[in-house]
N, C-alpha and C. Protein backbone atom coordinates (compact mmCIF):
# COMPACT_ATOMS: atom_id res chain seq x y z
N MET A 1 -13.04 7.09 15.80
CA MET A 1 -12.17 5.99 15.43
C MET A 1 -11.51 5.44 16.69
N GLU A 2 -11.40 4.13 16.73
CA GLU A 2 -10.72 3.51 17.86
C GLU A 2 -9.72 2.48 17.35
N LEU A 3 -8.74 2.18 18.16
CA LEU A 3 -7.72 1.21 17.82
C LEU A 3 -8.20 -0.18 18.20
N LEU A 4 -8.21 -1.09 17.22
CA LEU A 4 -8.66 -2.46 17.42
C LEU A 4 -7.53 -3.40 17.03
N HIS A 5 -7.55 -4.61 17.55
CA HIS A 5 -6.51 -5.57 17.22
C HIS A 5 -7.07 -6.65 16.30
N GLY A 6 -6.38 -6.91 15.21
CA GLY A 6 -6.73 -7.99 14.31
C GLY A 6 -7.94 -7.71 13.44
N ALA A 7 -8.40 -8.77 12.79
CA ALA A 7 -9.52 -8.68 11.85
C ALA A 7 -10.83 -8.45 12.59
N PRO A 8 -11.79 -7.87 11.90
CA PRO A 8 -13.11 -7.71 12.51
C PRO A 8 -13.74 -9.08 12.79
N SER A 9 -14.46 -9.20 13.90
CA SER A 9 -15.13 -10.46 14.20
C SER A 9 -16.36 -10.64 13.32
N ASP A 10 -16.93 -9.55 12.88
CA ASP A 10 -18.08 -9.59 11.98
C ASP A 10 -17.68 -8.96 10.65
N MET A 11 -17.68 -9.75 9.60
CA MET A 11 -17.25 -9.26 8.28
C MET A 11 -18.42 -8.74 7.43
N THR A 12 -19.58 -8.61 8.02
CA THR A 12 -20.75 -8.10 7.30
C THR A 12 -20.43 -6.72 6.72
N GLY A 13 -20.71 -6.56 5.45
CA GLY A 13 -20.49 -5.27 4.79
C GLY A 13 -19.08 -5.06 4.30
N ARG A 14 -18.18 -5.98 4.58
CA ARG A 14 -16.78 -5.85 4.12
C ARG A 14 -16.67 -6.44 2.72
N SER A 15 -15.82 -5.85 1.90
CA SER A 15 -15.62 -6.35 0.54
C SER A 15 -14.81 -7.65 0.56
N ASP A 16 -14.94 -8.41 -0.51
CA ASP A 16 -14.15 -9.64 -0.63
C ASP A 16 -12.66 -9.34 -0.57
N ARG A 17 -12.23 -8.24 -1.18
CA ARG A 17 -10.79 -7.91 -1.19
C ARG A 17 -10.29 -7.62 0.23
N GLU A 18 -11.11 -6.96 1.04
CA GLU A 18 -10.71 -6.68 2.42
C GLU A 18 -10.67 -7.97 3.24
N ILE A 19 -11.67 -8.81 3.06
CA ILE A 19 -11.72 -10.09 3.78
C ILE A 19 -10.51 -10.95 3.41
N ARG A 20 -10.17 -11.01 2.10
CA ARG A 20 -8.99 -11.76 1.65
C ARG A 20 -7.71 -11.23 2.28
N THR A 21 -7.65 -9.92 2.45
CA THR A 21 -6.45 -9.29 3.03
C THR A 21 -6.27 -9.73 4.48
N TYR A 22 -7.33 -9.68 5.26
CA TYR A 22 -7.24 -10.12 6.65
C TYR A 22 -6.88 -11.61 6.74
N ALA A 23 -7.48 -12.42 5.88
CA ALA A 23 -7.19 -13.86 5.88
C ALA A 23 -5.73 -14.12 5.53
N PHE A 24 -5.21 -13.37 4.58
CA PHE A 24 -3.80 -13.51 4.19
C PHE A 24 -2.88 -13.16 5.36
N LEU A 25 -3.12 -12.03 5.98
CA LEU A 25 -2.28 -11.61 7.12
C LEU A 25 -2.39 -12.61 8.27
N ASP A 26 -3.59 -13.05 8.57
CA ASP A 26 -3.79 -14.02 9.65
C ASP A 26 -3.09 -15.33 9.33
N GLY A 27 -3.14 -15.76 8.07
CA GLY A 27 -2.50 -17.00 7.65
C GLY A 27 -0.99 -16.96 7.81
N LEU A 28 -0.41 -15.76 7.71
CA LEU A 28 1.04 -15.60 7.88
C LEU A 28 1.42 -15.37 9.34
N GLY A 29 0.43 -15.21 10.20
CA GLY A 29 0.72 -14.93 11.60
C GLY A 29 1.16 -13.50 11.84
N VAL A 30 0.79 -12.59 10.95
CA VAL A 30 1.14 -11.18 11.12
C VAL A 30 0.19 -10.56 12.14
N GLN A 31 0.74 -9.95 13.16
CA GLN A 31 -0.04 -9.24 14.17
C GLN A 31 -0.28 -7.82 13.66
N TYR A 32 -1.52 -7.36 13.70
CA TYR A 32 -1.82 -6.02 13.20
C TYR A 32 -2.94 -5.39 14.01
N ASP A 33 -2.90 -4.08 14.01
CA ASP A 33 -3.96 -3.29 14.62
C ASP A 33 -4.67 -2.56 13.50
N ARG A 34 -5.92 -2.21 13.75
CA ARG A 34 -6.68 -1.52 12.71
C ARG A 34 -7.59 -0.48 13.33
N THR A 35 -8.04 0.41 12.48
CA THR A 35 -9.10 1.33 12.83
C THR A 35 -10.05 1.37 11.64
N ASP A 36 -11.33 1.34 11.94
CA ASP A 36 -12.34 1.40 10.88
C ASP A 36 -12.91 2.81 10.83
N HIS A 37 -13.13 3.28 9.63
CA HIS A 37 -13.70 4.61 9.44
C HIS A 37 -14.61 4.61 8.21
N PRO A 38 -15.68 3.79 8.26
CA PRO A 38 -16.56 3.64 7.09
C PRO A 38 -17.26 4.93 6.67
N ASP A 39 -17.48 5.84 7.59
CA ASP A 39 -18.14 7.11 7.25
C ASP A 39 -17.14 8.18 6.83
N ARG A 40 -15.85 7.85 6.95
CA ARG A 40 -14.80 8.82 6.59
C ARG A 40 -13.69 8.11 5.81
N PRO A 41 -13.94 7.78 4.54
CA PRO A 41 -12.88 7.14 3.75
C PRO A 41 -11.63 8.03 3.74
N ALA A 42 -10.48 7.40 3.74
CA ALA A 42 -9.22 8.15 3.79
C ALA A 42 -8.91 8.75 2.41
N THR A 43 -9.65 9.80 2.08
CA THR A 43 -9.47 10.46 0.79
C THR A 43 -8.97 11.89 0.92
N THR A 44 -8.90 12.40 2.15
CA THR A 44 -8.39 13.75 2.38
C THR A 44 -7.25 13.70 3.38
N MET A 45 -6.42 14.72 3.36
CA MET A 45 -5.30 14.79 4.30
C MET A 45 -5.82 14.89 5.74
N GLU A 46 -6.97 15.51 5.94
CA GLU A 46 -7.54 15.63 7.28
C GLU A 46 -7.88 14.25 7.85
N VAL A 47 -8.54 13.42 7.06
CA VAL A 47 -8.88 12.08 7.52
C VAL A 47 -7.61 11.26 7.73
N CYS A 48 -6.68 11.35 6.79
CA CYS A 48 -5.42 10.60 6.92
C CYS A 48 -4.67 11.00 8.19
N ALA A 49 -4.66 12.28 8.51
CA ALA A 49 -3.99 12.74 9.73
C ALA A 49 -4.67 12.15 10.97
N HIS A 50 -5.98 12.07 10.94
CA HIS A 50 -6.71 11.49 12.08
C HIS A 50 -6.42 9.99 12.20
N VAL A 51 -6.39 9.29 11.07
CA VAL A 51 -6.06 7.86 11.06
C VAL A 51 -4.64 7.65 11.59
N ASP A 52 -3.69 8.48 11.11
CA ASP A 52 -2.31 8.39 11.58
C ASP A 52 -2.24 8.54 13.10
N ALA A 53 -3.02 9.46 13.65
CA ALA A 53 -3.00 9.70 15.09
C ALA A 53 -3.55 8.50 15.86
N VAL A 54 -4.60 7.88 15.35
CA VAL A 54 -5.18 6.72 16.02
C VAL A 54 -4.22 5.54 15.96
N LEU A 55 -3.64 5.30 14.78
CA LEU A 55 -2.72 4.16 14.62
C LEU A 55 -1.31 4.46 15.13
N GLN A 56 -1.00 5.71 15.36
CA GLN A 56 0.33 6.15 15.77
C GLN A 56 1.38 5.67 14.77
N VAL A 57 1.07 5.91 13.50
CA VAL A 57 1.96 5.54 12.39
C VAL A 57 1.58 6.44 11.22
N HIS A 58 2.50 6.60 10.29
CA HIS A 58 2.21 7.37 9.08
C HIS A 58 1.81 6.41 7.97
N ILE A 59 0.59 6.59 7.48
CA ILE A 59 0.14 5.78 6.34
C ILE A 59 0.99 6.19 5.14
N CYS A 60 1.47 5.21 4.42
CA CYS A 60 2.32 5.47 3.26
C CYS A 60 1.51 5.95 2.06
N LYS A 61 2.20 6.68 1.19
CA LYS A 61 1.64 7.05 -0.10
C LYS A 61 1.92 5.88 -1.04
N ASN A 62 0.90 5.40 -1.72
CA ASN A 62 1.02 4.28 -2.65
C ASN A 62 0.59 4.77 -4.02
N LEU A 63 1.50 4.76 -4.98
CA LEU A 63 1.21 5.26 -6.31
C LEU A 63 1.31 4.13 -7.32
N PHE A 64 0.25 3.93 -8.08
CA PHE A 64 0.23 2.89 -9.11
C PHE A 64 0.61 3.54 -10.43
N LEU A 65 1.76 3.15 -10.95
CA LEU A 65 2.36 3.80 -12.11
C LEU A 65 2.59 2.82 -13.26
N CYS A 66 2.79 3.38 -14.44
CA CYS A 66 3.15 2.55 -15.60
C CYS A 66 4.06 3.35 -16.52
N ASN A 67 4.71 2.62 -17.43
CA ASN A 67 5.50 3.30 -18.44
C ASN A 67 4.57 3.77 -19.55
N ARG A 68 5.11 4.50 -20.50
CA ARG A 68 4.28 5.09 -21.56
C ARG A 68 3.55 4.05 -22.39
N THR A 69 4.20 2.91 -22.64
CA THR A 69 3.59 1.87 -23.47
C THR A 69 2.66 0.95 -22.67
N ARG A 70 2.55 1.19 -21.39
CA ARG A 70 1.68 0.41 -20.50
C ARG A 70 2.04 -1.07 -20.49
N THR A 71 3.34 -1.34 -20.56
CA THR A 71 3.83 -2.72 -20.51
C THR A 71 4.49 -3.04 -19.18
N ASN A 72 4.88 -2.02 -18.44
CA ASN A 72 5.50 -2.21 -17.13
C ASN A 72 4.70 -1.42 -16.10
N PHE A 73 4.38 -2.09 -14.99
CA PHE A 73 3.59 -1.46 -13.94
C PHE A 73 4.38 -1.48 -12.63
N TYR A 74 4.18 -0.43 -11.83
CA TYR A 74 4.92 -0.25 -10.58
C TYR A 74 3.96 0.20 -9.49
N LEU A 75 4.17 -0.31 -8.30
CA LEU A 75 3.46 0.18 -7.12
C LEU A 75 4.52 0.82 -6.23
N LEU A 76 4.60 2.12 -6.28
CA LEU A 76 5.58 2.86 -5.49
C LEU A 76 5.03 3.10 -4.09
N VAL A 77 5.82 2.73 -3.08
CA VAL A 77 5.46 2.97 -1.68
C VAL A 77 6.47 3.97 -1.13
N MET A 78 5.95 5.08 -0.63
CA MET A 78 6.82 6.15 -0.15
C MET A 78 6.16 6.89 1.01
N PRO A 79 6.93 7.65 1.78
CA PRO A 79 6.32 8.41 2.87
C PRO A 79 5.28 9.38 2.32
N GLY A 80 4.19 9.53 3.04
CA GLY A 80 3.10 10.37 2.58
C GLY A 80 3.44 11.84 2.48
N ASP A 81 4.44 12.29 3.25
CA ASP A 81 4.78 13.71 3.24
C ASP A 81 5.90 14.06 2.26
N LYS A 82 6.38 13.09 1.52
CA LYS A 82 7.46 13.32 0.57
C LYS A 82 6.88 13.58 -0.81
N PRO A 83 7.33 14.64 -1.49
CA PRO A 83 6.80 14.89 -2.84
C PRO A 83 7.32 13.86 -3.84
N PHE A 84 6.49 13.55 -4.82
CA PHE A 84 6.86 12.58 -5.84
C PHE A 84 7.31 13.29 -7.11
N LYS A 85 8.48 12.92 -7.59
CA LYS A 85 9.02 13.46 -8.85
C LYS A 85 9.29 12.28 -9.78
N THR A 86 8.58 12.23 -10.89
CA THR A 86 8.71 11.09 -11.79
C THR A 86 10.14 10.91 -12.30
N LYS A 87 10.80 12.01 -12.60
CA LYS A 87 12.17 11.94 -13.13
C LYS A 87 13.11 11.24 -12.14
N GLU A 88 12.94 11.54 -10.89
CA GLU A 88 13.77 10.96 -9.84
C GLU A 88 13.59 9.44 -9.75
N LEU A 89 12.35 8.98 -9.79
CA LEU A 89 12.08 7.55 -9.73
C LEU A 89 12.49 6.87 -11.03
N SER A 90 12.17 7.47 -12.15
CA SER A 90 12.49 6.89 -13.46
C SER A 90 13.96 6.52 -13.57
N ALA A 91 14.81 7.40 -13.13
CA ALA A 91 16.25 7.16 -13.20
C ALA A 91 16.67 5.95 -12.37
N GLN A 92 16.01 5.74 -11.24
CA GLN A 92 16.40 4.65 -10.35
C GLN A 92 15.84 3.29 -10.75
N ILE A 93 14.72 3.27 -11.45
CA ILE A 93 14.14 1.98 -11.83
C ILE A 93 14.35 1.67 -13.31
N GLY A 94 14.98 2.60 -14.03
CA GLY A 94 15.28 2.36 -15.44
C GLY A 94 14.05 2.34 -16.33
N SER A 95 13.10 3.19 -16.03
CA SER A 95 11.88 3.25 -16.83
C SER A 95 11.51 4.70 -17.05
N SER A 96 11.57 5.14 -18.29
CA SER A 96 11.26 6.54 -18.56
C SER A 96 9.77 6.72 -18.83
N ARG A 97 9.38 7.96 -18.80
CA ARG A 97 8.00 8.35 -19.10
C ARG A 97 6.96 7.67 -18.21
N LEU A 98 7.19 7.72 -16.93
CA LEU A 98 6.22 7.15 -15.99
C LEU A 98 5.00 8.06 -15.87
N SER A 99 3.86 7.44 -15.70
CA SER A 99 2.63 8.18 -15.44
C SER A 99 1.75 7.30 -14.55
N PHE A 100 0.65 7.88 -14.12
CA PHE A 100 -0.27 7.10 -13.30
C PHE A 100 -1.01 6.11 -14.19
N ALA A 101 -1.07 4.87 -13.74
CA ALA A 101 -1.81 3.85 -14.47
C ALA A 101 -3.31 4.11 -14.29
N ASP A 102 -4.09 3.65 -15.23
CA ASP A 102 -5.52 3.92 -15.17
C ASP A 102 -6.26 2.94 -14.27
N GLU A 103 -7.53 3.27 -14.02
CA GLU A 103 -8.37 2.47 -13.13
C GLU A 103 -8.57 1.04 -13.63
N THR A 104 -8.62 0.88 -14.95
CA THR A 104 -8.82 -0.45 -15.52
C THR A 104 -7.64 -1.36 -15.19
N ALA A 105 -6.43 -0.87 -15.38
CA ALA A 105 -5.24 -1.65 -15.06
C ALA A 105 -5.17 -1.93 -13.56
N MET A 106 -5.53 -0.95 -12.76
CA MET A 106 -5.53 -1.12 -11.30
C MET A 106 -6.49 -2.24 -10.89
N ALA A 107 -7.66 -2.24 -11.49
CA ALA A 107 -8.65 -3.27 -11.16
C ALA A 107 -8.21 -4.64 -11.67
N GLN A 108 -7.68 -4.69 -12.88
CA GLN A 108 -7.27 -5.97 -13.47
C GLN A 108 -6.08 -6.59 -12.75
N LEU A 109 -5.08 -5.79 -12.44
CA LEU A 109 -3.85 -6.32 -11.87
C LEU A 109 -3.88 -6.46 -10.35
N LEU A 110 -4.52 -5.51 -9.67
CA LEU A 110 -4.48 -5.49 -8.20
C LEU A 110 -5.84 -5.64 -7.53
N ASP A 111 -6.90 -5.67 -8.30
CA ASP A 111 -8.26 -5.72 -7.75
C ASP A 111 -8.48 -4.59 -6.74
N LEU A 112 -8.03 -3.39 -7.13
CA LEU A 112 -8.17 -2.22 -6.26
C LEU A 112 -8.90 -1.10 -7.00
N ARG A 113 -9.40 -0.16 -6.21
CA ARG A 113 -10.05 1.03 -6.74
C ARG A 113 -9.21 2.25 -6.35
N PRO A 114 -9.31 3.33 -7.12
CA PRO A 114 -8.60 4.55 -6.73
C PRO A 114 -8.96 4.95 -5.30
N GLY A 115 -7.96 5.39 -4.57
CA GLY A 115 -8.16 5.78 -3.18
C GLY A 115 -7.92 4.65 -2.20
N SER A 116 -7.85 3.43 -2.71
CA SER A 116 -7.62 2.26 -1.85
C SER A 116 -6.35 1.52 -2.20
N VAL A 117 -5.46 2.17 -2.94
CA VAL A 117 -4.22 1.50 -3.35
C VAL A 117 -3.38 1.21 -2.12
N SER A 118 -2.87 -0.01 -2.08
CA SER A 118 -2.11 -0.49 -0.92
C SER A 118 -1.13 -1.55 -1.37
N VAL A 119 -0.02 -1.64 -0.69
CA VAL A 119 0.94 -2.71 -0.96
C VAL A 119 0.27 -4.07 -0.82
N LEU A 120 -0.75 -4.16 0.00
CA LEU A 120 -1.45 -5.42 0.19
C LEU A 120 -2.27 -5.83 -1.03
N GLY A 121 -2.48 -4.91 -1.96
CA GLY A 121 -3.12 -5.24 -3.22
C GLY A 121 -2.30 -6.20 -4.05
N LEU A 122 -1.01 -6.30 -3.74
CA LEU A 122 -0.14 -7.24 -4.47
C LEU A 122 -0.55 -8.69 -4.23
N ILE A 123 -1.35 -8.93 -3.21
CA ILE A 123 -1.91 -10.26 -2.96
C ILE A 123 -2.68 -10.72 -4.20
N ASN A 124 -3.30 -9.78 -4.89
CA ASN A 124 -4.16 -10.08 -6.02
C ASN A 124 -3.43 -10.14 -7.36
N ASP A 125 -2.15 -9.80 -7.37
CA ASP A 125 -1.36 -9.81 -8.61
C ASP A 125 -0.78 -11.21 -8.81
N LYS A 126 -1.62 -12.12 -9.24
CA LYS A 126 -1.24 -13.54 -9.37
C LYS A 126 -0.13 -13.76 -10.39
N GLU A 127 -0.07 -12.94 -11.42
CA GLU A 127 0.95 -13.11 -12.46
C GLU A 127 2.22 -12.31 -12.18
N ARG A 128 2.25 -11.61 -11.07
CA ARG A 128 3.42 -10.82 -10.66
C ARG A 128 3.88 -9.85 -11.76
N LYS A 129 2.93 -9.09 -12.27
CA LYS A 129 3.22 -8.11 -13.31
C LYS A 129 3.62 -6.75 -12.75
N VAL A 130 3.35 -6.53 -11.46
CA VAL A 130 3.60 -5.23 -10.84
C VAL A 130 4.89 -5.29 -10.03
N ARG A 131 5.81 -4.38 -10.35
CA ARG A 131 7.06 -4.28 -9.59
C ARG A 131 6.84 -3.33 -8.41
N LEU A 132 7.65 -3.53 -7.36
CA LEU A 132 7.45 -2.81 -6.10
C LEU A 132 8.69 -2.00 -5.70
N PRO A 133 8.77 -0.74 -6.13
CA PRO A 133 9.81 0.12 -5.57
C PRO A 133 9.33 0.70 -4.23
N ILE A 134 10.19 0.62 -3.21
CA ILE A 134 9.87 1.16 -1.89
C ILE A 134 10.95 2.16 -1.50
N ASP A 135 10.53 3.34 -1.09
CA ASP A 135 11.48 4.35 -0.63
C ASP A 135 12.15 3.85 0.65
N GLU A 136 13.45 4.04 0.73
CA GLU A 136 14.22 3.54 1.87
C GLU A 136 13.75 4.10 3.20
N ASP A 137 13.19 5.30 3.20
CA ASP A 137 12.71 5.89 4.46
C ASP A 137 11.55 5.09 5.05
N VAL A 138 10.73 4.48 4.20
CA VAL A 138 9.62 3.66 4.68
C VAL A 138 10.15 2.47 5.48
N LEU A 139 11.22 1.89 4.98
CA LEU A 139 11.78 0.69 5.61
C LEU A 139 12.52 0.99 6.91
N ARG A 140 12.80 2.25 7.17
CA ARG A 140 13.46 2.63 8.42
C ARG A 140 12.48 2.73 9.58
N GLU A 141 11.21 2.82 9.27
CA GLU A 141 10.18 2.94 10.31
C GLU A 141 9.94 1.59 10.98
N GLU A 142 9.66 1.61 12.27
CA GLU A 142 9.37 0.38 13.00
C GLU A 142 8.04 -0.23 12.58
N MET A 143 7.05 0.64 12.35
CA MET A 143 5.71 0.19 11.98
C MET A 143 5.36 0.69 10.58
N PHE A 144 4.51 -0.09 9.90
CA PHE A 144 4.08 0.21 8.54
C PHE A 144 2.57 0.38 8.55
N GLY A 145 2.08 1.44 7.95
CA GLY A 145 0.65 1.70 7.90
C GLY A 145 0.13 1.69 6.47
N CYS A 146 -1.03 1.07 6.27
CA CYS A 146 -1.64 1.02 4.94
C CYS A 146 -3.12 0.68 5.07
N HIS A 147 -3.79 0.56 3.96
CA HIS A 147 -5.19 0.14 3.93
C HIS A 147 -5.25 -1.36 3.66
N PRO A 148 -6.25 -2.04 4.17
CA PRO A 148 -6.45 -3.45 3.84
C PRO A 148 -7.23 -3.60 2.53
N CYS A 149 -6.76 -2.89 1.51
CA CYS A 149 -7.36 -2.87 0.16
C CYS A 149 -8.69 -2.15 0.09
N GLU A 150 -9.06 -1.45 1.14
CA GLU A 150 -10.24 -0.57 1.18
C GLU A 150 -9.87 0.64 2.02
N ASN A 151 -10.26 1.84 1.57
CA ASN A 151 -9.85 3.05 2.30
C ASN A 151 -10.82 3.43 3.42
N THR A 152 -11.68 2.50 3.80
CA THR A 152 -12.57 2.74 4.94
C THR A 152 -12.07 2.06 6.21
N SER A 153 -10.91 1.43 6.11
CA SER A 153 -10.20 0.86 7.25
C SER A 153 -8.72 1.10 7.02
N SER A 154 -7.97 1.14 8.09
CA SER A 154 -6.52 1.31 8.00
C SER A 154 -5.88 0.40 9.02
N ILE A 155 -4.70 -0.10 8.69
CA ILE A 155 -4.02 -1.03 9.59
C ILE A 155 -2.56 -0.65 9.76
N ARG A 156 -1.98 -1.20 10.82
CA ARG A 156 -0.54 -1.06 11.04
C ARG A 156 0.00 -2.42 11.47
N PHE A 157 1.23 -2.68 11.05
CA PHE A 157 1.94 -3.88 11.47
C PHE A 157 3.42 -3.57 11.41
N ALA A 158 4.23 -4.45 11.95
CA ALA A 158 5.67 -4.22 11.97
C ALA A 158 6.22 -4.20 10.54
N THR A 159 7.06 -3.23 10.26
CA THR A 159 7.70 -3.14 8.95
C THR A 159 8.48 -4.42 8.68
N LYS A 160 9.04 -4.99 9.73
CA LYS A 160 9.76 -6.25 9.63
C LYS A 160 8.85 -7.36 9.08
N ASP A 161 7.56 -7.34 9.45
CA ASP A 161 6.62 -8.32 8.91
C ASP A 161 6.40 -8.12 7.42
N LEU A 162 6.43 -6.86 6.97
CA LEU A 162 6.31 -6.60 5.54
C LEU A 162 7.47 -7.24 4.79
N THR A 163 8.68 -6.98 5.29
CA THR A 163 9.87 -7.44 4.56
C THR A 163 10.22 -8.91 4.79
N GLU A 164 9.83 -9.46 5.95
CA GLU A 164 10.23 -10.83 6.27
C GLU A 164 9.12 -11.87 6.16
N LYS A 165 7.87 -11.43 6.09
CA LYS A 165 6.76 -12.38 5.98
C LYS A 165 5.90 -12.14 4.74
N ILE A 166 5.38 -10.91 4.61
CA ILE A 166 4.40 -10.62 3.56
C ILE A 166 5.02 -10.70 2.17
N LEU A 167 6.05 -9.92 1.92
CA LEU A 167 6.64 -9.91 0.58
C LEU A 167 7.25 -11.27 0.20
N PRO A 168 7.98 -11.95 1.10
CA PRO A 168 8.47 -13.29 0.74
C PRO A 168 7.34 -14.28 0.43
N ALA A 169 6.23 -14.20 1.16
CA ALA A 169 5.10 -15.09 0.90
C ALA A 169 4.53 -14.87 -0.50
N LEU A 170 4.67 -13.64 -0.99
CA LEU A 170 4.18 -13.30 -2.32
C LEU A 170 5.23 -13.52 -3.40
N GLY A 171 6.46 -13.83 -2.98
CA GLY A 171 7.54 -14.01 -3.95
C GLY A 171 8.00 -12.69 -4.54
N ILE A 172 7.89 -11.63 -3.77
CA ILE A 172 8.24 -10.29 -4.26
C ILE A 172 9.51 -9.79 -3.59
N GLU A 173 10.43 -9.36 -4.40
CA GLU A 173 11.65 -8.70 -3.93
C GLU A 173 11.51 -7.22 -4.28
N PRO A 174 11.34 -6.36 -3.27
CA PRO A 174 11.16 -4.94 -3.59
C PRO A 174 12.45 -4.31 -4.11
N GLY A 175 12.29 -3.27 -4.89
CA GLY A 175 13.43 -2.46 -5.30
C GLY A 175 13.50 -1.27 -4.37
N ILE A 176 14.61 -1.12 -3.69
CA ILE A 176 14.75 -0.02 -2.74
C ILE A 176 15.20 1.22 -3.51
N VAL A 177 14.46 2.31 -3.34
CA VAL A 177 14.79 3.56 -4.00
C VAL A 177 14.98 4.65 -2.96
N ARG A 178 15.67 5.69 -3.37
CA ARG A 178 15.91 6.83 -2.48
C ARG A 178 15.34 8.07 -3.15
N LEU A 179 14.20 8.50 -2.63
CA LEU A 179 13.52 9.67 -3.20
C LEU A 179 13.72 10.84 -2.25
N VAL A 180 14.18 11.94 -2.80
CA VAL A 180 14.38 13.12 -1.98
C VAL A 180 13.40 14.24 -2.32
N GLY A 181 12.67 14.06 -3.42
CA GLY A 181 11.63 15.01 -3.77
C GLY A 181 12.13 16.28 -4.43
N THR A 182 13.31 16.21 -5.01
CA THR A 182 13.83 17.38 -5.73
C THR A 182 14.20 16.97 -7.14
N GLU A 183 14.27 17.94 -8.02
CA GLU A 183 14.63 17.65 -9.42
C GLU A 183 16.10 17.34 -9.53
């Protein structure tokens, strides 16, 4: 893996969702670095640790959640090393009985597949049905790491660009939560 700047010059073999993600970031003037790892999708902690080392950033944990009745959906962004406790988040967002949303909802609302969940998937949520709780520790970091809607590449950009360019362009106001990982 090597550190590269900006979008790939050759998009051959890239998915439409990944290409849309780069076009969106470029359209906003967001500067980003990336590393490609097509033979090593970021599905294990070992690969994620290697990606983190190349990008010199911690890729966030992104959890796609819903309430019991599947009427409210959430994309939780939190530090990858912090444990997730549903009770802790439920109390802060006012939604009980949270669970992981299924693949069908993920595909319909975010045009994403399991293993490739990313805050950048919100680009595809045209009806703004997914709420975005972000752990406050993520926002304290200078750089933000995520996937460009595919787990065979990873990118980093300034956290300030997430909060001042990307989310405003999408019309999204995140809910800031404080997760400590204890009951």
